[in-house]
Amino acid sequence: MINKSKHRVYYVFSILAIVILTLGISTGHVFASGFNDDAQIGMAYSEAVATMTEKGVLAGFPDGSFRPQGTLTREQAAKIVAYILLGSEKADGLSCSTKPFIDVEVTRWSAPYIAWCCDRGILNGYGNGLFGPSDELTGVQFAKMLLCAFFGDAGGRYTGAGWADSVEEDGYQHGLFTGDFNMCSNLPLQRQQAALMVYNAEHEETNVDALGADQSHDEQGQTVDTNEQDLNMSVDEQISSPSTEEQDYDLAPQPQEIPSDGSLDPFEGDEV
């Protein structure tokens, strides 16, 4: 009887071990994208890569790979932004009748995306008529593109000698570097990092839109969060509340803090 009991215990523990091991393996890399180098995609980027490739914003190579550590080029970045803002169908329908830069021919595959981004101030050339379509793009440069694309140019904060500092500050504020703070650098941006940054920007824009809607309701005097206790009591209700002592109520509005002017002197020759 003792031996049989021991065998039952060992059997139960063996089953539990197999279940735990199976769960551990299955949760180790959930967001596989179907590329033959999926194992090389970092855990921090896996969901973003899967989401962006499913939307067609990013694509793999003819050999079936994604090349997650490969660097992003300026023309690839232009296509990414056009796809994420317009959708693949409209982005594919873009055309270019005249060469936007000396080194970007009309027949070049990326010419429509480059021209579209430049027309909207999302991307600029080097200031000498050149664009450098095959040049590598740094993390800060791509962050500037996404900030302009999703949130506007912030009143010219992204031009001038301190443009990179402004991009870094606003990039952190909008959560662009969430998941990998090394993306905020002057180093060439990896493809998997680009996927994560776009993923962050898209989700942050959704949150900002939701917050804006809540704030508009609040300005009309409506309750925004139904989960919180409603504290919008009238003045009469506050004063008539039972109390053992007399209380003074300061009903004067509190002065609001006026933000400081963060503008910078613009200059020509933006690198992005």
C-alpha atoms as a PDB file:
ATOM      1  CA  MET A   1       0.000   0.000   0.000  1.00  0.00           C
ATOM      2  CA  ILE A   2       2.813   2.383   0.855  1.00  0.00           C
ATOM      3  CA  ASN A   3       4.556   1.778  -2.455  1.00  0.00           C
ATOM      4  CA  LYS A   4       1.312   2.316  -4.379  1.00  0.00           C
ATOM      5  CA  SER A   5       0.723   5.606  -2.530  1.00  0.00           C
ATOM      6  CA  LYS A   6       4.217   6.746  -3.344  1.00  0.00           C
ATOM      7  CA  HIS A   7       3.704   5.879  -7.000  1.00  0.00           C
ATOM      8  CA  ARG A   8       0.474   7.902  -7.058  1.00  0.00           C
ATOM      9  CA  VAL A   9       2.263  10.899  -5.535  1.00  0.00           C
ATOM     10  CA  TYR A  10       5.109  10.637  -8.033  1.00  0.00           C
ATOM     11  CA  TYR A  11       2.581  10.324 -10.866  1.00  0.00           C
ATOM     12  CA  VAL A  12       0.697  13.463  -9.767  1.00  0.00           C
ATOM     13  CA  PHE A  13       3.899  15.474  -9.406  1.00  0.00           C
ATOM     14  CA  SER A  14       5.096  14.281 -12.808  1.00  0.00           C
ATOM     15  CA  ILE A  15       1.868  15.466 -14.439  1.00  0.00           C
ATOM     16  CA  LEU A  16       2.130  18.822 -12.668  1.00  0.00           C
ATOM     17  CA  ALA A  17       5.735  19.217 -13.790  1.00  0.00           C
ATOM     18  CA  ILE A  18       4.792  18.528 -17.406  1.00  0.00           C
ATOM     19  CA  VAL A  19       1.923  21.041 -17.246  1.00  0.00           C
ATOM     20  CA  ILE A  20       4.120  23.731 -15.703  1.00  0.00           C
ATOM     21  CA  LEU A  21       6.891  23.093 -18.229  1.00  0.00           C
ATOM     22  CA  THR A  22       4.399  23.245 -21.099  1.00  0.00           C
ATOM     23  CA  LEU A  23       2.929  26.525 -19.860  1.00  0.00           C
ATOM     24  CA  GLY A  24       6.402  27.968 -19.410  1.00  0.00           C
ATOM     25  CA  ILE A  25       7.358  27.097 -22.967  1.00  0.00           C
ATOM     26  CA  SER A  26       4.109  28.354 -24.457  1.00  0.00           C
ATOM     27  CA  THR A  27       4.341  31.738 -22.720  1.00  0.00           C
ATOM     28  CA  GLY A  28       8.010  32.180 -23.566  1.00  0.00           C
ATOM     29  CA  HIS A  29       7.413  33.515 -27.065  1.00  0.00           C
ATOM     30  CA  VAL A  30       3.722  34.088 -27.636  1.00  0.00           C
ATOM     31  CA  PHE A  31       3.725  36.535 -30.521  1.00  0.00           C
ATOM     32  CA  ALA A  32       5.516  34.553 -33.237  1.00  0.00           C
ATOM     33  CA  SER A  33       5.260  36.272 -36.608  1.00  0.00           C
ATOM     34  CA  GLY A  34       5.875  33.354 -38.968  1.00  0.00           C
ATOM     35  CA  PHE A  35       9.406  34.347 -39.998  1.00  0.00           C
ATOM     36  CA  ASN A  36      12.191  31.813 -40.117  1.00  0.00           C
ATOM     37  CA  ASP A  37      14.201  33.951 -37.684  1.00  0.00           C
ATOM     38  CA  ASP A  38      11.423  34.475 -35.112  1.00  0.00           C
ATOM     39  CA  ALA A  39      13.748  33.157 -32.410  1.00  0.00           C
ATOM     40  CA  GLN A  40      16.010  36.176 -32.973  1.00  0.00           C
ATOM     41  CA  ILE A  41      13.232  38.676 -32.228  1.00  0.00           C
ATOM     42  CA  GLY A  42      13.614  39.937 -28.662  1.00  0.00           C
ATOM     43  CA  MET A  43      10.798  39.379 -26.185  1.00  0.00           C
ATOM     44  CA  ALA A  44      10.359  43.126 -25.739  1.00  0.00           C
ATOM     45  CA  TYR A  45       9.606  43.511 -29.453  1.00  0.00           C
ATOM     46  CA  SER A  46       7.713  40.308 -30.269  1.00  0.00           C
ATOM     47  CA  GLU A  47       4.158  41.629 -29.914  1.00  0.00           C
ATOM     48  CA  ALA A  48       5.002  44.847 -31.760  1.00  0.00           C
ATOM     49  CA  VAL A  49       6.615  42.977 -34.665  1.00  0.00           C
ATOM     50  CA  ALA A  50       3.640  40.609 -34.925  1.00  0.00           C
ATOM     51  CA  THR A  51       1.153  43.506 -34.835  1.00  0.00           C
ATOM     52  CA  MET A  52       2.976  45.699 -37.334  1.00  0.00           C
ATOM     53  CA  THR A  53       3.620  42.864 -39.810  1.00  0.00           C
ATOM     54  CA  GLU A  54      -0.010  41.769 -39.579  1.00  0.00           C
ATOM     55  CA  LYS A  55      -1.068  45.320 -40.493  1.00  0.00           C
ATOM     56  CA  GLY A  56       1.400  45.404 -43.358  1.00  0.00           C
ATOM     57  CA  VAL A  57       3.337  48.299 -41.838  1.00  0.00           C
ATOM     58  CA  LEU A  58       6.464  46.140 -41.744  1.00  0.00           C
ATOM     59  CA  ALA A  59       7.283  43.181 -43.951  1.00  0.00           C
ATOM     60  CA  GLY A  60       9.853  40.456 -44.138  1.00  0.00           C
ATOM     61  CA  PHE A  61      12.336  39.597 -46.867  1.00  0.00           C
ATOM     62  CA  PRO A  62      11.985  37.184 -49.806  1.00  0.00           C
ATOM     63  CA  ASP A  63      14.021  34.563 -47.947  1.00  0.00           C
ATOM     64  CA  GLY A  64      11.347  34.404 -45.213  1.00  0.00           C
ATOM     65  CA  SER A  65      13.347  36.339 -42.624  1.00  0.00           C
ATOM     66  CA  PHE A  66      12.536  39.520 -40.722  1.00  0.00           C
ATOM     67  CA  ARG A  67      16.105  40.452 -39.758  1.00  0.00           C
ATOM     68  CA  PRO A  68      15.143  42.064 -36.451  1.00  0.00           C
ATOM     69  CA  GLN A  69      18.664  43.374 -35.770  1.00  0.00           C
ATOM     70  CA  GLY A  70      18.905  44.894 -39.230  1.00  0.00           C
ATOM     71  CA  THR A  71      19.010  48.683 -39.267  1.00  0.00           C
ATOM     72  CA  LEU A  72      16.238  50.953 -40.507  1.00  0.00           C
ATOM     73  CA  THR A  73      16.873  53.247 -43.460  1.00  0.00           C
ATOM     74  CA  ARG A  74      15.383  56.668 -44.101  1.00  0.00           C
ATOM     75  CA  GLU A  75      13.269  55.499 -47.039  1.00  0.00           C
ATOM     76  CA  GLN A  76      11.985  52.501 -45.080  1.00  0.00           C
ATOM     77  CA  ALA A  77      10.953  54.868 -42.287  1.00  0.00           C
ATOM     78  CA  ALA A  78       9.019  57.008 -44.782  1.00  0.00           C
ATOM     79  CA  LYS A  79       7.079  53.960 -45.964  1.00  0.00           C
ATOM     80  CA  ILE A  80       6.333  52.878 -42.380  1.00  0.00           C
ATOM     81  CA  VAL A  81       4.875  56.274 -41.477  1.00  0.00           C
ATOM     82  CA  ALA A  82       2.798  56.446 -44.672  1.00  0.00           C
ATOM     83  CA  TYR A  83       1.419  52.957 -44.071  1.00  0.00           C
ATOM     84  CA  ILE A  84       0.557  53.552 -40.422  1.00  0.00           C
ATOM     85  CA  LEU A  85      -1.194  56.862 -41.124  1.00  0.00           C
ATOM     86  CA  LEU A  86      -2.909  56.081 -44.433  1.00  0.00           C
ATOM     87  CA  GLY A  87      -3.300  52.330 -44.360  1.00  0.00           C
ATOM     88  CA  SER A  88      -1.709  50.018 -46.888  1.00  0.00           C
ATOM     89  CA  GLU A  89      -4.269  50.546 -49.653  1.00  0.00           C
ATOM     90  CA  LYS A  90      -4.042  54.355 -49.708  1.00  0.00           C
ATOM     91  CA  ALA A  91      -0.296  54.322 -49.155  1.00  0.00           C
ATOM     92  CA  ASP A  92       0.196  52.010 -52.128  1.00  0.00           C
ATOM     93  CA  GLY A  93      -1.859  54.421 -54.186  1.00  0.00           C
ATOM     94  CA  LEU A  94       0.506  57.347 -53.610  1.00  0.00           C
ATOM     95  CA  SER A  95       2.321  58.644 -56.660  1.00  0.00           C
ATOM     96  CA  CYS A  96       5.192  60.994 -57.394  1.00  0.00           C
ATOM     97  CA  SER A  97       5.386  62.991 -60.635  1.00  0.00           C
ATOM     98  CA  THR A  98       8.631  64.881 -59.948  1.00  0.00           C
ATOM     99  CA  LYS A  99      11.743  63.738 -58.100  1.00  0.00           C
ATOM    100  CA  PRO A 100      11.557  65.088 -54.540  1.00  0.00           C
ATOM    101  CA  PHE A 101      15.346  65.157 -54.111  1.00  0.00           C
ATOM    102  CA  ILE A 102      18.412  64.948 -56.325  1.00  0.00           C
ATOM    103  CA  ASP A 103      19.164  61.425 -55.130  1.00  0.00           C
ATOM    104  CA  VAL A 104      15.546  60.192 -55.203  1.00  0.00           C
ATOM    105  CA  GLU A 105      14.386  59.403 -58.729  1.00  0.00           C
ATOM    106  CA  VAL A 106      10.677  59.357 -59.552  1.00  0.00           C
ATOM    107  CA  THR A 107      10.958  55.674 -60.407  1.00  0.00           C
ATOM    108  CA  ARG A 108      12.482  54.741 -57.038  1.00  0.00           C
ATOM    109  CA  TRP A 109      10.121  52.518 -55.025  1.00  0.00           C
ATOM    110  CA  SER A 110      10.213  54.853 -52.018  1.00  0.00           C
ATOM    111  CA  ALA A 111       9.757  58.168 -53.889  1.00  0.00           C
ATOM    112  CA  PRO A 112       5.975  58.484 -53.232  1.00  0.00           C
ATOM    113  CA  TYR A 113       6.390  57.806 -49.497  1.00  0.00           C
ATOM    114  CA  ILE A 114       9.309  60.219 -49.176  1.00  0.00           C
ATOM    115  CA  ALA A 115       7.476  62.973 -51.054  1.00  0.00           C
ATOM    116  CA  TRP A 116       4.318  62.470 -48.981  1.00  0.00           C
ATOM    117  CA  CYS A 117       6.168  62.605 -45.654  1.00  0.00           C
ATOM    118  CA  CYS A 118       8.226  65.639 -46.676  1.00  0.00           C
ATOM    119  CA  ASP A 119       5.145  67.544 -47.879  1.00  0.00           C
ATOM    120  CA  ARG A 120       3.700  67.161 -44.377  1.00  0.00           C
ATOM    121  CA  GLY A 121       6.838  68.121 -42.479  1.00  0.00           C
ATOM    122  CA  ILE A 122       7.313  64.618 -41.102  1.00  0.00           C
ATOM    123  CA  LEU A 123      10.653  64.147 -42.827  1.00  0.00           C
ATOM    124  CA  ASN A 124      13.250  66.509 -44.299  1.00  0.00           C
ATOM    125  CA  GLY A 125      16.302  66.300 -46.499  1.00  0.00           C
ATOM    126  CA  TYR A 126      19.837  67.266 -45.592  1.00  0.00           C
ATOM    127  CA  GLY A 127      19.436  70.844 -46.816  1.00  0.00           C
ATOM    128  CA  ASN A 128      21.680  70.460 -49.880  1.00  0.00           C
ATOM    129  CA  GLY A 129      19.132  68.893 -52.183  1.00  0.00           C
ATOM    130  CA  LEU A 130      20.000  65.402 -50.988  1.00  0.00           C
ATOM    131  CA  PHE A 131      17.874  62.991 -48.964  1.00  0.00           C
ATOM    132  CA  GLY A 132      20.044  59.929 -48.467  1.00  0.00           C
ATOM    133  CA  PRO A 133      17.301  57.305 -48.866  1.00  0.00           C
ATOM    134  CA  SER A 134      19.580  54.392 -48.001  1.00  0.00           C
ATOM    135  CA  ASP A 135      21.192  56.104 -45.014  1.00  0.00           C
ATOM    136  CA  GLU A 136      20.606  54.582 -41.604  1.00  0.00           C
ATOM    137  CA  LEU A 137      18.104  56.272 -39.302  1.00  0.00           C
ATOM    138  CA  THR A 138      18.852  56.818 -35.617  1.00  0.00           C
ATOM    139  CA  GLY A 139      16.417  56.279 -32.778  1.00  0.00           C
ATOM    140  CA  VAL A 140      16.049  59.998 -32.072  1.00  0.00           C
ATOM    141  CA  GLN A 141      15.463  60.782 -35.742  1.00  0.00           C
ATOM    142  CA  PHE A 142      12.715  58.170 -36.033  1.00  0.00           C
ATOM    143  CA  ALA A 143      11.177  59.426 -32.778  1.00  0.00           C
ATOM    144  CA  LYS A 144      11.002  62.907 -34.324  1.00  0.00           C
ATOM    145  CA  MET A 145       9.176  61.507 -37.342  1.00  0.00           C
ATOM    146  CA  LEU A 146       6.622  59.732 -35.154  1.00  0.00           C
ATOM    147  CA  LEU A 147       6.091  62.751 -32.922  1.00  0.00           C
ATOM    148  CA  CYS A 148       5.395  64.939 -35.963  1.00  0.00           C
ATOM    149  CA  ALA A 149       3.188  62.271 -37.537  1.00  0.00           C
ATOM    150  CA  PHE A 150       1.062  61.449 -34.502  1.00  0.00           C
ATOM    151  CA  PHE A 151       1.182  64.542 -32.293  1.00  0.00           C
ATOM    152  CA  GLY A 152       2.250  67.487 -34.508  1.00  0.00           C
ATOM    153  CA  ASP A 153       5.460  69.495 -34.623  1.00  0.00           C
ATOM    154  CA  ALA A 154       4.948  70.964 -31.130  1.00  0.00           C
ATOM    155  CA  GLY A 155       5.177  74.542 -32.334  1.00  0.00           C
ATOM    156  CA  GLY A 156       8.608  74.172 -33.893  1.00  0.00           C
ATOM    157  CA  ARG A 157      10.268  72.500 -30.912  1.00  0.00           C
ATOM    158  CA  TYR A 158      11.867  69.918 -33.205  1.00  0.00           C
ATOM    159  CA  THR A 159      13.952  72.429 -35.159  1.00  0.00           C
ATOM    160  CA  GLY A 160      16.998  74.364 -34.054  1.00  0.00           C
ATOM    161  CA  ALA A 161      20.113  73.452 -32.124  1.00  0.00           C
ATOM    162  CA  GLY A 162      18.191  71.727 -29.336  1.00  0.00           C
ATOM    163  CA  TRP A 163      15.785  69.697 -31.473  1.00  0.00           C
ATOM    164  CA  ALA A 164      17.148  66.356 -30.259  1.00  0.00           C
ATOM    165  CA  ASP A 165      16.678  67.301 -26.597  1.00  0.00           C
ATOM    166  CA  SER A 166      13.077  68.305 -27.308  1.00  0.00           C
ATOM    167  CA  VAL A 167      12.441  65.036 -29.140  1.00  0.00           C
ATOM    168  CA  GLU A 168      13.911  63.053 -26.262  1.00  0.00           C
ATOM    169  CA  GLU A 169      11.775  64.909 -23.708  1.00  0.00           C
ATOM    170  CA  ASP A 170       8.536  64.585 -25.677  1.00  0.00           C
ATOM    171  CA  GLY A 171       9.344  61.028 -26.705  1.00  0.00           C
ATOM    172  CA  TYR A 172       9.529  59.962 -23.070  1.00  0.00           C
ATOM    173  CA  GLN A 173       6.358  61.907 -22.287  1.00  0.00           C
ATOM    174  CA  HIS A 174       4.428  60.121 -25.043  1.00  0.00           C
ATOM    175  CA  GLY A 175       5.872  56.717 -24.170  1.00  0.00           C
ATOM    176  CA  LEU A 176       7.681  56.136 -27.465  1.00  0.00           C
ATOM    177  CA  PHE A 177      10.651  54.479 -25.753  1.00  0.00           C
ATOM    178  CA  THR A 178       8.625  52.202 -23.471  1.00  0.00           C
ATOM    179  CA  GLY A 179      10.063  48.689 -23.490  1.00  0.00           C
ATOM    180  CA  ASP A 180      13.545  49.711 -24.602  1.00  0.00           C
ATOM    181  CA  PHE A 181      14.956  53.041 -23.463  1.00  0.00           C
ATOM    182  CA  ASN A 182      18.035  52.377 -25.607  1.00  0.00           C
ATOM    183  CA  MET A 183      15.899  53.405 -28.567  1.00  0.00           C
ATOM    184  CA  CYS A 184      16.383  57.009 -27.428  1.00  0.00           C
ATOM    185  CA  SER A 185      19.870  57.384 -28.873  1.00  0.00           C
ATOM    186  CA  ASN A 186      21.901  58.523 -31.855  1.00  0.00           C
ATOM    187  CA  LEU A 187      22.665  54.914 -32.763  1.00  0.00           C
ATOM    188  CA  PRO A 188      21.133  53.272 -35.843  1.00  0.00           C
ATOM    189  CA  LEU A 189      17.655  51.940 -35.058  1.00  0.00           C
ATOM    190  CA  GLN A 190      17.016  48.212 -35.425  1.00  0.00           C
ATOM    191  CA  ARG A 191      13.976  46.977 -37.336  1.00  0.00           C
ATOM    192  CA  GLN A 192      12.501  45.345 -34.247  1.00  0.00           C
ATOM    193  CA  GLN A 193      12.999  48.591 -32.325  1.00  0.00           C
ATOM    194  CA  ALA A 194      11.218  50.516 -35.068  1.00  0.00           C
ATOM    195  CA  ALA A 195       8.257  48.143 -34.760  1.00  0.00           C
ATOM    196  CA  LEU A 196       8.115  48.748 -31.017  1.00  0.00           C
ATOM    197  CA  MET A 197       8.346  52.517 -31.342  1.00  0.00           C
ATOM    198  CA  VAL A 198       5.511  52.645 -33.895  1.00  0.00           C
ATOM    199  CA  TYR A 199       3.457  50.297 -31.703  1.00  0.00           C
ATOM    200  CA  ASN A 200       3.990  52.614 -28.722  1.00  0.00           C
ATOM    201  CA  ALA A 201       3.100  55.730 -30.725  1.00  0.00           C
ATOM    202  CA  GLU A 202      -0.102  54.186 -32.049  1.00  0.00           C
ATOM    203  CA  HIS A 203      -1.252  53.104 -28.590  1.00  0.00           C
ATOM    204  CA  GLU A 204      -0.300  56.433 -27.035  1.00  0.00           C
ATOM    205  CA  GLU A 205      -2.338  58.306 -29.665  1.00  0.00           C
ATOM    206  CA  THR A 206      -5.360  56.180 -28.729  1.00  0.00           C
ATOM    207  CA  ASN A 207      -4.870  57.042 -25.066  1.00  0.00           C
ATOM    208  CA  VAL A 208      -4.490  60.746 -25.853  1.00  0.00           C
ATOM    209  CA  ASP A 209      -7.702  60.727 -27.917  1.00  0.00           C
ATOM    210  CA  ALA A 210      -9.560  59.044 -25.067  1.00  0.00           C
ATOM    211  CA  LEU A 211      -8.168  61.546 -22.575  1.00  0.00           C
ATOM    212  CA  GLY A 212      -9.193  64.444 -24.803  1.00  0.00           C
ATOM    213  CA  ALA A 213     -12.752  63.110 -24.953  1.00  0.00           C
ATOM    214  CA  ASP A 214     -12.849  62.797 -21.177  1.00  0.00           C
ATOM    215  CA  GLN A 215     -11.553  66.318 -20.726  1.00  0.00           C
ATOM    216  CA  SER A 216     -14.204  67.732 -23.075  1.00  0.00           C
ATOM    217  CA  HIS A 217     -16.890  66.110 -20.967  1.00  0.00           C
ATOM    218  CA  ASP A 218     -15.314  67.493 -17.842  1.00  0.00           C
ATOM    219  CA  GLU A 219     -15.349  71.028 -19.232  1.00  0.00           C
ATOM    220  CA  GLN A 220     -19.110  70.676 -19.677  1.00  0.00           C
ATOM    221  CA  GLY A 221     -19.510  69.806 -16.032  1.00  0.00           C
ATOM    222  CA  GLN A 222     -20.226  66.128 -16.551  1.00  0.00           C
ATOM    223  CA  THR A 223     -18.788  63.320 -14.481  1.00  0.00           C
ATOM    224  CA  VAL A 224     -15.857  61.702 -16.335  1.00  0.00           C
ATOM    225  CA  ASP A 225     -15.025  58.608 -14.294  1.00  0.00           C
ATOM    226  CA  THR A 226     -18.123  56.664 -13.258  1.00  0.00           C
ATOM    227  CA  ASN A 227     -15.998  54.410 -11.042  1.00  0.00           C
ATOM    228  CA  GLU A 228     -14.995  57.213  -8.719  1.00  0.00           C
ATOM    229  CA  GLN A 229     -17.281  58.687  -6.072  1.00  0.00           C
ATOM    230  CA  ASP A 230     -19.164  61.747  -7.334  1.00  0.00           C
ATOM    231  CA  LEU A 231     -17.807  64.683  -5.347  1.00  0.00           C
ATOM    232  CA  ASN A 232     -19.624  67.402  -7.296  1.00  0.00           C
ATOM    233  CA  MET A 233     -21.740  68.529  -4.321  1.00  0.00           C
ATOM    234  CA  SER A 234     -23.381  71.912  -4.367  1.00  0.00           C
ATOM    235  CA  VAL A 235     -22.119  74.643  -2.065  1.00  0.00           C
ATOM    236  CA  ASP A 236     -25.363  74.487  -0.043  1.00  0.00           C
ATOM    237  CA  GLU A 237     -24.930  70.739   0.483  1.00  0.00           C
ATOM    238  CA  GLN A 238     -21.355  71.267   1.703  1.00  0.00           C
ATOM    239  CA  ILE A 239     -22.303  74.014   4.133  1.00  0.00           C
ATOM    240  CA  SER A 240     -25.368  72.186   5.440  1.00  0.00           C
ATOM    241  CA  SER A 241     -23.400  69.002   6.189  1.00  0.00           C
ATOM    242  CA  PRO A 242     -23.545  68.119   9.908  1.00  0.00           C
ATOM    243  CA  SER A 243     -20.496  69.284  11.809  1.00  0.00           C
ATOM    244  CA  THR A 244     -19.630  69.882  15.459  1.00  0.00           C
ATOM    245  CA  GLU A 245     -17.626  72.972  14.617  1.00  0.00           C
ATOM    246  CA  GLU A 246     -18.090  75.883  12.244  1.00  0.00           C
ATOM    247  CA  GLN A 247     -15.976  75.532   9.114  1.00  0.00           C
ATOM    248  CA  ASP A 248     -14.795  78.106   6.616  1.00  0.00           C
ATOM    249  CA  TYR A 249     -15.086  77.247   2.929  1.00  0.00           C
ATOM    250  CA  ASP A 250     -12.641  78.798   0.548  1.00  0.00           C
ATOM    251  CA  LEU A 251     -14.623  78.788  -2.687  1.00  0.00           C
ATOM    252  CA  ALA A 252     -12.279  81.054  -4.643  1.00  0.00           C
ATOM    253  CA  PRO A 253     -10.707  79.364  -7.672  1.00  0.00           C
ATOM    254  CA  GLN A 254      -7.047  78.500  -7.309  1.00  0.00           C
ATOM    255  CA  PRO A 255      -4.667  80.290  -9.719  1.00  0.00           C
ATOM    256  CA  GLN A 256      -3.386  78.029 -12.471  1.00  0.00           C
ATOM    257  CA  GLU A 257       0.259  77.664 -13.260  1.00  0.00           C
ATOM    258  CA  ILE A 258       1.222  79.288 -16.554  1.00  0.00           C
ATOM    259  CA  PRO A 259       3.578  77.054 -18.573  1.00  0.00           C
ATOM    260  CA  SER A 260       6.936  78.516 -19.483  1.00  0.00           C
ATOM    261  CA  ASP A 261       7.768  79.225 -23.130  1.00  0.00           C
ATOM    262  CA  GLY A 262       9.764  76.282 -24.471  1.00  0.00           C
ATOM    263  CA  SER A 263      10.306  77.610 -27.954  1.00  0.00           C
ATOM    264  CA  LEU A 264      13.724  77.477 -29.584  1.00  0.00           C
ATOM    265  CA  ASP A 265      15.366  79.522 -32.290  1.00  0.00           C
ATOM    266  CA  PRO A 266      14.881  77.665 -35.590  1.00  0.00           C
ATOM    267  CA  PHE A 267      17.720  77.007 -37.983  1.00  0.00           C
ATOM    268  CA  GLU A 268      18.070  75.331 -41.347  1.00  0.00           C
ATOM    269  CA  GLY A 269      19.701  71.955 -41.995  1.00  0.00           C
ATOM    270  CA  ASP A 270      17.619  69.538 -39.940  1.00  0.00           C
ATOM    271  CA  GLU A 271      19.183  66.093 -40.139  1.00  0.00           C
ATOM    272  CA  VAL A 272      15.985  64.055 -40.258  1.00  0.00           C
END
